[in-house]
Structures are given as structure tokens and as C-alpha cells.
Amino acid sequence: MVLEKLKYLAQSHQRTLEEEITSILEDVTENTPIITPENRGWFPGFFEEVIGGWEGEPLVREHQAEAQERDFLL
């Protein structure tokens, strides 16, 4: 179904199927901003600096209690 729609659009725009798909993708990506940590408010290099950066004593996960039984609601 999608392929038929693409073929129809290509024919109506007098393009090959490849040209039509390229045009659609260019339109979509042209208006889509590239999301980076910096434009989300993190300072440049933050993640590179902190990932794997723990230098203290090894972290230990304490034993967890068994999951609590709950009443079935439905």
C-alpha cells in the first residue's frame, strides 16, 4: 500500500521513485532539528567527562526483599 502511494506521488510529480523518496526524506530532515546534549542544556563534554568516572569504593547493591503480593484488581 505504501509503495503504491509512493509510485503515485512520483508519477504525479514526474519523478522516479528514487527521486520521490529522496525528496520526501530531504523535506522531513530539513525541518527536524538535530538534538544534542548541548542544546538540551548540558555543557559540552559533560557525558564524556562523567561516564565511567566513579573512582570511589565499589558500589554494592544491597539484597532486596521479595516482591509484595498484591490483590488482582480486574
PDB file of N, CA and C in Angstrom:
ATOM      1  N   MET A   1       0.823  -1.181   0.000  1.00  0.00           N
ATOM      2  CA  MET A   1       0.000   0.000   0.000  1.00  0.00           C
ATOM      3  C   MET A   1       0.875   1.255   0.000  1.00  0.00           C
ATOM      4  N   VAL A   2       1.903   1.290   0.822  1.00  0.00           N
ATOM      5  CA  VAL A   2       2.792   2.450   0.868  1.00  0.00           C
ATOM      6  C   VAL A   2       3.524   2.598  -0.456  1.00  0.00           C
ATOM      7  N   LEU A   3       3.969   1.486  -0.996  1.00  0.00           N
ATOM      8  CA  LEU A   3       4.695   1.535  -2.260  1.00  0.00           C
ATOM      9  C   LEU A   3       3.825   2.093  -3.376  1.00  0.00           C
ATOM     10  N   GLU A   4       2.553   1.715  -3.394  1.00  0.00           N
ATOM     11  CA  GLU A   4       1.643   2.233  -4.412  1.00  0.00           C
ATOM     12  C   GLU A   4       1.472   3.744  -4.265  1.00  0.00           C
ATOM     13  N   LYS A   5       1.368   4.214  -3.023  1.00  0.00           N
ATOM     14  CA  LYS A   5       1.241   5.660  -2.791  1.00  0.00           C
ATOM     15  C   LYS A   5       2.493   6.395  -3.253  1.00  0.00           C
ATOM     16  N   LEU A   6       3.654   5.817  -2.954  1.00  0.00           N
ATOM     17  CA  LEU A   6       4.900   6.443  -3.385  1.00  0.00           C
ATOM     18  C   LEU A   6       5.004   6.481  -4.908  1.00  0.00           C
ATOM     19  N   LYS A   7       4.614   5.401  -5.551  1.00  0.00           N
ATOM     20  CA  LYS A   7       4.636   5.363  -7.016  1.00  0.00           C
ATOM     21  C   LYS A   7       3.693   6.405  -7.597  1.00  0.00           C
ATOM     22  N   TYR A   8       2.514   6.551  -6.992  1.00  0.00           N
ATOM     23  CA  TYR A   8       1.545   7.544  -7.458  1.00  0.00           C
ATOM     24  C   TYR A   8       2.113   8.957  -7.300  1.00  0.00           C
ATOM     25  N   LEU A   9       2.698   9.243  -6.141  1.00  0.00           N
ATOM     26  CA  LEU A   9       3.291  10.564  -5.914  1.00  0.00           C
ATOM     27  C   LEU A   9       4.422  10.839  -6.899  1.00  0.00           C
ATOM     28  N   ALA A  10       5.270   9.851  -7.116  1.00  0.00           N
ATOM     29  CA  ALA A  10       6.380  10.012  -8.055  1.00  0.00           C
ATOM     30  C   ALA A  10       5.859  10.325  -9.449  1.00  0.00           C
ATOM     31  N   GLN A  11       4.847   9.606  -9.867  1.00  0.00           N
ATOM     32  CA  GLN A  11       4.276   9.821 -11.199  1.00  0.00           C
ATOM     33  C   GLN A  11       3.644  11.211 -11.295  1.00  0.00           C
ATOM     34  N   SER A  12       2.917  11.621 -10.264  1.00  0.00           N
ATOM     35  CA  SER A  12       2.255  12.927 -10.306  1.00  0.00           C
ATOM     36  C   SER A  12       3.257  14.085 -10.250  1.00  0.00           C
ATOM     37  N   HIS A  13       4.427  13.864  -9.661  1.00  0.00           N
ATOM     38  CA  HIS A  13       5.476  14.889  -9.621  1.00  0.00           C
ATOM     39  C   HIS A  13       6.481  14.721 -10.761  1.00  0.00           C
ATOM     40  N   GLN A  14       6.233  13.755 -11.618  1.00  0.00           N
ATOM     41  CA  GLN A  14       7.101  13.444 -12.760  1.00  0.00           C
ATOM     42  C   GLN A  14       8.544  13.184 -12.304  1.00  0.00           C
ATOM     43  N   ARG A  15       8.646  12.289 -11.328  1.00  0.00           N
ATOM     44  CA  ARG A  15       9.950  11.882 -10.801  1.00  0.00           C
ATOM     45  C   ARG A  15      10.031  10.365 -10.790  1.00  0.00           C
ATOM     46  N   THR A  16      11.260   9.890 -10.670  1.00  0.00           N
ATOM     47  CA  THR A  16      11.426   8.456 -10.461  1.00  0.00           C
ATOM     48  C   THR A  16      11.070   8.158  -9.003  1.00  0.00           C
ATOM     49  N   LEU A  17      10.879   6.902  -8.700  1.00  0.00           N
ATOM     50  CA  LEU A  17      10.563   6.504  -7.329  1.00  0.00           C
ATOM     51  C   LEU A  17      11.698   6.916  -6.386  1.00  0.00           C
ATOM     52  N   GLU A  18      12.924   6.716  -6.824  1.00  0.00           N
ATOM     53  CA  GLU A  18      14.078   7.110  -6.009  1.00  0.00           C
ATOM     54  C   GLU A  18      14.093   8.619  -5.762  1.00  0.00           C
ATOM     55  N   GLU A  19      13.815   9.405  -6.785  1.00  0.00           N
ATOM     56  CA  GLU A  19      13.786  10.864  -6.631  1.00  0.00           C
ATOM     57  C   GLU A  19      12.672  11.299  -5.678  1.00  0.00           C
ATOM     58  N   GLU A  20      11.535  10.632  -5.750  1.00  0.00           N
ATOM     59  CA  GLU A  20      10.410  10.973  -4.874  1.00  0.00           C
ATOM     60  C   GLU A  20      10.748  10.675  -3.414  1.00  0.00           C
ATOM     61  N   ILE A  21      11.311   9.514  -3.168  1.00  0.00           N
ATOM     62  CA  ILE A  21      11.686   9.144  -1.798  1.00  0.00           C
ATOM     63  C   ILE A  21      12.758  10.094  -1.271  1.00  0.00           C
ATOM     64  N   THR A  22      13.732  10.435  -2.106  1.00  0.00           N
ATOM     65  CA  THR A  22      14.775  11.380  -1.708  1.00  0.00           C
ATOM     66  C   THR A  22      14.176  12.729  -1.355  1.00  0.00           C
ATOM     67  N   SER A  23      13.244  13.197  -2.161  1.00  0.00           N
ATOM     68  CA  SER A  23      12.591  14.480  -1.908  1.00  0.00           C
ATOM     69  C   SER A  23      11.835  14.474  -0.583  1.00  0.00           C
ATOM     70  N   ILE A  24      11.109  13.403  -0.323  1.00  0.00           N
ATOM     71  CA  ILE A  24      10.350  13.285   0.930  1.00  0.00           C
ATOM     72  C   ILE A  24      11.300  13.297   2.121  1.00  0.00           C
ATOM     73  N   LEU A  25      12.362  12.519   2.042  1.00  0.00           N
ATOM     74  CA  LEU A  25      13.315  12.451   3.153  1.00  0.00           C
ATOM     75  C   LEU A  25      14.037  13.777   3.368  1.00  0.00           C
ATOM     76  N   GLU A  26      14.374  14.467   2.288  1.00  0.00           N
ATOM     77  CA  GLU A  26      15.021  15.775   2.423  1.00  0.00           C
ATOM     78  C   GLU A  26      14.088  16.772   3.099  1.00  0.00           C
ATOM     79  N   ASP A  27      12.805  16.767   2.719  1.00  0.00           N
ATOM     80  CA  ASP A  27      11.830  17.669   3.349  1.00  0.00           C
ATOM     81  C   ASP A  27      11.711  17.393   4.840  1.00  0.00           C
ATOM     82  N   VAL A  28      11.650  16.131   5.210  1.00  0.00           N
ATOM     83  CA  VAL A  28      11.487  15.767   6.619  1.00  0.00           C
ATOM     84  C   VAL A  28      12.732  16.131   7.421  1.00  0.00           C
ATOM     85  N   THR A  29      13.904  15.777   6.910  1.00  0.00           N
ATOM     86  CA  THR A  29      15.129  16.020   7.673  1.00  0.00           C
ATOM     87  C   THR A  29      15.520  17.488   7.693  1.00  0.00           C
ATOM     88  N   GLU A  30      15.094  18.248   6.711  1.00  0.00           N
ATOM     89  CA  GLU A  30      15.401  19.678   6.669  1.00  0.00           C
ATOM     90  C   GLU A  30      14.759  20.410   7.841  1.00  0.00           C
ATOM     91  N   ASN A  31      13.580  19.986   8.235  1.00  0.00           N
ATOM     92  CA  ASN A  31      12.835  20.655   9.295  1.00  0.00           C
ATOM     93  C   ASN A  31      12.960  19.968  10.649  1.00  0.00           C
ATOM     94  N   THR A  32      13.809  18.966  10.748  1.00  0.00           N
ATOM     95  CA  THR A  32      13.986  18.242  12.001  1.00  0.00           C
ATOM     96  C   THR A  32      15.302  18.667  12.637  1.00  0.00           C
ATOM     97  N   PRO A  33      15.236  19.306  13.809  1.00  0.00           N
ATOM     98  CA  PRO A  33      16.488  19.738  14.437  1.00  0.00           C
ATOM     99  C   PRO A  33      17.295  18.544  14.942  1.00  0.00           C
ATOM    100  N   ILE A  34      18.597  18.689  14.911  1.00  0.00           N
ATOM    101  CA  ILE A  34      19.473  17.663  15.465  1.00  0.00           C
ATOM    102  C   ILE A  34      19.555  17.913  16.966  1.00  0.00           C
ATOM    103  N   ILE A  35      19.197  16.913  17.743  1.00  0.00           N
ATOM    104  CA  ILE A  35      19.178  17.060  19.196  1.00  0.00           C
ATOM    105  C   ILE A  35      20.521  16.617  19.757  1.00  0.00           C
ATOM    106  N   THR A  36      21.151  17.525  20.457  1.00  0.00           N
ATOM    107  CA  THR A  36      22.438  17.233  21.084  1.00  0.00           C
ATOM    108  C   THR A  36      22.328  17.504  22.581  1.00  0.00           C
ATOM    109  N   PRO A  37      23.232  16.947  23.367  1.00  0.00           N
ATOM    110  CA  PRO A  37      23.207  17.255  24.801  1.00  0.00           C
ATOM    111  C   PRO A  37      23.346  18.762  25.059  1.00  0.00           C
ATOM    112  N   GLU A  38      24.130  19.441  24.224  1.00  0.00           N
ATOM    113  CA  GLU A  38      24.351  20.872  24.416  1.00  0.00           C
ATOM    114  C   GLU A  38      23.061  21.669  24.237  1.00  0.00           C
ATOM    115  N   ASN A  39      22.264  21.343  23.190  1.00  0.00           N
ATOM    116  CA  ASN A  39      21.036  22.123  23.031  1.00  0.00           C
ATOM    117  C   ASN A  39      19.924  21.644  23.956  1.00  0.00           C
ATOM    118  N   ARG A  40      20.228  20.665  24.785  1.00  0.00           N
ATOM    119  CA  ARG A  40      19.302  20.260  25.851  1.00  0.00           C
ATOM    120  C   ARG A  40      19.740  20.820  27.203  1.00  0.00           C
ATOM    121  N   GLY A  41      20.794  21.639  27.199  1.00  0.00           N
ATOM    122  CA  GLY A  41      21.203  22.312  28.419  1.00  0.00           C
ATOM    123  C   GLY A  41      22.431  21.751  29.119  1.00  0.00           C
ATOM    124  N   TRP A  42      23.014  20.663  28.608  1.00  0.00           N
ATOM    125  CA  TRP A  42      24.216  20.090  29.230  1.00  0.00           C
ATOM    126  C   TRP A  42      25.438  20.798  28.665  1.00  0.00           C
ATOM    127  N   PHE A  43      26.442  21.023  29.497  1.00  0.00           N
ATOM    128  CA  PHE A  43      27.630  21.693  28.980  1.00  0.00           C
ATOM    129  C   PHE A  43      28.414  20.740  28.084  1.00  0.00           C
ATOM    130  N   PRO A  44      29.128  21.287  27.086  1.00  0.00           N
ATOM    131  CA  PRO A  44      29.870  20.440  26.144  1.00  0.00           C
ATOM    132  C   PRO A  44      30.847  19.512  26.864  1.00  0.00           C
ATOM    133  N   GLY A  45      30.835  18.249  26.485  1.00  0.00           N
ATOM    134  CA  GLY A  45      31.746  17.260  27.045  1.00  0.00           C
ATOM    135  C   GLY A  45      31.310  16.676  28.376  1.00  0.00           C
ATOM    136  N   PHE A  46      30.118  17.056  28.875  1.00  0.00           N
ATOM    137  CA  PHE A  46      29.661  16.583  30.184  1.00  0.00           C
ATOM    138  C   PHE A  46      29.649  15.062  30.262  1.00  0.00           C
ATOM    139  N   PHE A  47      29.003  14.415  29.304  1.00  0.00           N
ATOM    140  CA  PHE A  47      28.854  12.960  29.379  1.00  0.00           C
ATOM    141  C   PHE A  47      30.183  12.241  29.182  1.00  0.00           C
ATOM    142  N   GLU A  48      31.006  12.762  28.308  1.00  0.00           N
ATOM    143  CA  GLU A  48      32.318  12.157  28.115  1.00  0.00           C
ATOM    144  C   GLU A  48      33.147  12.242  29.396  1.00  0.00           C
ATOM    145  N   GLU A  49      32.931  13.310  30.159  1.00  0.00           N
ATOM    146  CA  GLU A  49      33.691  13.529  31.383  1.00  0.00           C
ATOM    147  C   GLU A  49      33.210  12.659  32.541  1.00  0.00           C
ATOM    148  N   VAL A  50      31.905  12.417  32.632  1.00  0.00           N
ATOM    149  CA  VAL A  50      31.383  11.721  33.811  1.00  0.00           C
ATOM    150  C   VAL A  50      31.112  10.234  33.612  1.00  0.00           C
ATOM    151  N   ILE A  51      30.897   9.788  32.397  1.00  0.00           N
ATOM    152  CA  ILE A  51      30.587   8.374  32.184  1.00  0.00           C
ATOM    153  C   ILE A  51      31.811   7.531  32.527  1.00  0.00           C
ATOM    154  N   GLY A  52      31.605   6.567  33.398  1.00  0.00           N
ATOM    155  CA  GLY A  52      32.704   5.711  33.822  1.00  0.00           C
ATOM    156  C   GLY A  52      33.683   6.414  34.746  1.00  0.00           C
ATOM    157  N   GLY A  53      33.256   7.529  35.313  1.00  0.00           N
ATOM    158  CA  GLY A  53      34.175   8.333  36.096  1.00  0.00           C
ATOM    159  C   GLY A  53      34.182   8.069  37.590  1.00  0.00           C
ATOM    160  N   TRP A  54      33.412   7.099  38.087  1.00  0.00           N
ATOM    161  CA  TRP A  54      33.383   6.823  39.525  1.00  0.00           C
ATOM    162  C   TRP A  54      34.726   6.271  39.952  1.00  0.00           C
ATOM    163  N   GLU A  55      35.346   6.922  40.928  1.00  0.00           N
ATOM    164  CA  GLU A  55      36.667   6.495  41.382  1.00  0.00           C
ATOM    165  C   GLU A  55      36.686   6.144  42.864  1.00  0.00           C
ATOM    166  N   GLY A  56      35.522   6.103  43.487  1.00  0.00           N
ATOM    167  CA  GLY A  56      35.449   5.772  44.906  1.00  0.00           C
ATOM    168  C   GLY A  56      35.418   4.265  45.114  1.00  0.00           C
ATOM    169  N   GLU A  57      35.002   3.871  46.322  1.00  0.00           N
ATOM    170  CA  GLU A  57      34.914   2.444  46.630  1.00  0.00           C
ATOM    171  C   GLU A  57      33.832   1.802  45.761  1.00  0.00           C
ATOM    172  N   PRO A  58      33.940   0.507  45.483  1.00  0.00           N
ATOM    173  CA  PRO A  58      32.970  -0.161  44.617  1.00  0.00           C
ATOM    174  C   PRO A  58      31.547  -0.035  45.169  1.00  0.00           C
ATOM    175  N   LEU A  59      30.613   0.182  44.269  1.00  0.00           N
ATOM    176  CA  LEU A  59      29.215   0.273  44.667  1.00  0.00           C
ATOM    177  C   LEU A  59      28.664  -1.128  44.881  1.00  0.00           C
ATOM    178  N   VAL A  60      27.860  -1.301  45.928  1.00  0.00           N
ATOM    179  CA  VAL A  60      27.287  -2.601  46.256  1.00  0.00           C
ATOM    180  C   VAL A  60      25.779  -2.455  46.311  1.00  0.00           C
ATOM    181  N   ARG A  61      25.090  -3.330  45.625  1.00  0.00           N
ATOM    182  CA  ARG A  61      23.633  -3.321  45.672  1.00  0.00           C
ATOM    183  C   ARG A  61      23.189  -4.247  46.793  1.00  0.00           C
ATOM    184  N   GLU A  62      22.480  -3.687  47.752  1.00  0.00           N
ATOM    185  CA  GLU A  62      22.006  -4.464  48.889  1.00  0.00           C
ATOM    186  C   GLU A  62      20.934  -5.449  48.445  1.00  0.00           C
ATOM    187  N   HIS A  63      20.760  -6.512  49.235  1.00  0.00           N
ATOM    188  CA  HIS A  63      19.744  -7.515  48.953  1.00  0.00           C
ATOM    189  C   HIS A  63      18.365  -6.872  49.019  1.00  0.00           C
ATOM    190  N   GLN A  64      17.510  -7.225  48.081  1.00  0.00           N
ATOM    191  CA  GLN A  64      16.158  -6.682  48.070  1.00  0.00           C
ATOM    192  C   GLN A  64      15.185  -7.712  48.607  1.00  0.00           C
ATOM    193  N   ALA A  65      14.183  -7.234  49.330  1.00  0.00           N
ATOM    194  CA  ALA A  65      13.153  -8.127  49.865  1.00  0.00           C
ATOM    195  C   ALA A  65      12.331  -8.696  48.710  1.00  0.00           C
ATOM    196  N   GLU A  66      11.632  -9.788  48.991  1.00  0.00           N
ATOM    197  CA  GLU A  66      10.765 -10.383  47.981  1.00  0.00           C
ATOM    198  C   GLU A  66       9.667  -9.395  47.600  1.00  0.00           C
ATOM    199  N   ALA A  67       9.191  -9.491  46.384  1.00  0.00           N
ATOM    200  CA  ALA A  67       8.127  -8.597  45.919  1.00  0.00           C
ATOM    201  C   ALA A  67       6.855  -8.849  46.715  1.00  0.00           C
ATOM    202  N   GLN A  68       6.160  -7.785  47.028  1.00  0.00           N
ATOM    203  CA  GLN A  68       4.939  -7.872  47.816  1.00  0.00           C
ATOM    204  C   GLN A  68       3.797  -8.414  46.951  1.00  0.00           C
ATOM    205  N   GLU A  69       3.008  -9.343  47.494  1.00  0.00           N
ATOM    206  CA  GLU A  69       1.840  -9.859  46.775  1.00  0.00           C
ATOM    207  C   GLU A  69       0.756  -8.804  46.798  1.00  0.00           C
ATOM    208  N   ARG A  70       0.112  -8.593  45.664  1.00  0.00           N
ATOM    209  CA  ARG A  70      -0.944  -7.584  45.590  1.00  0.00           C
ATOM    210  C   ARG A  70      -2.232  -8.238  45.129  1.00  0.00           C
ATOM    211  N   ASP A  71      -3.342  -7.639  45.519  1.00  0.00           N
ATOM    212  CA  ASP A  71      -4.645  -8.137  45.081  1.00  0.00           C
ATOM    213  C   ASP A  71      -4.829  -7.843  43.604  1.00  0.00           C
ATOM    214  N   PHE A  72      -5.441  -8.768  42.905  1.00  0.00           N
ATOM    215  CA  PHE A  72      -5.738  -8.587  41.497  1.00  0.00           C
ATOM    216  C   PHE A  72      -6.915  -7.625  41.379  1.00  0.00           C
ATOM    217  N   LEU A  73      -6.780  -6.562  40.589  1.00  0.00           N
ATOM    218  CA  LEU A  73      -7.802  -5.518  40.545  1.00  0.00           C
ATOM    219  C   LEU A  73      -8.906  -5.771  39.527  1.00  0.00           C
ATOM    220  N   LEU A  74      -8.640  -6.493  38.487  1.00  0.00           N
ATOM    221  CA  LEU A  74      -9.671  -6.664  37.445  1.00  0.00           C
ATOM    222  C   LEU A  74     -10.343  -7.996  37.528  1.00  0.00           C
TER     223      LEU A  74
END
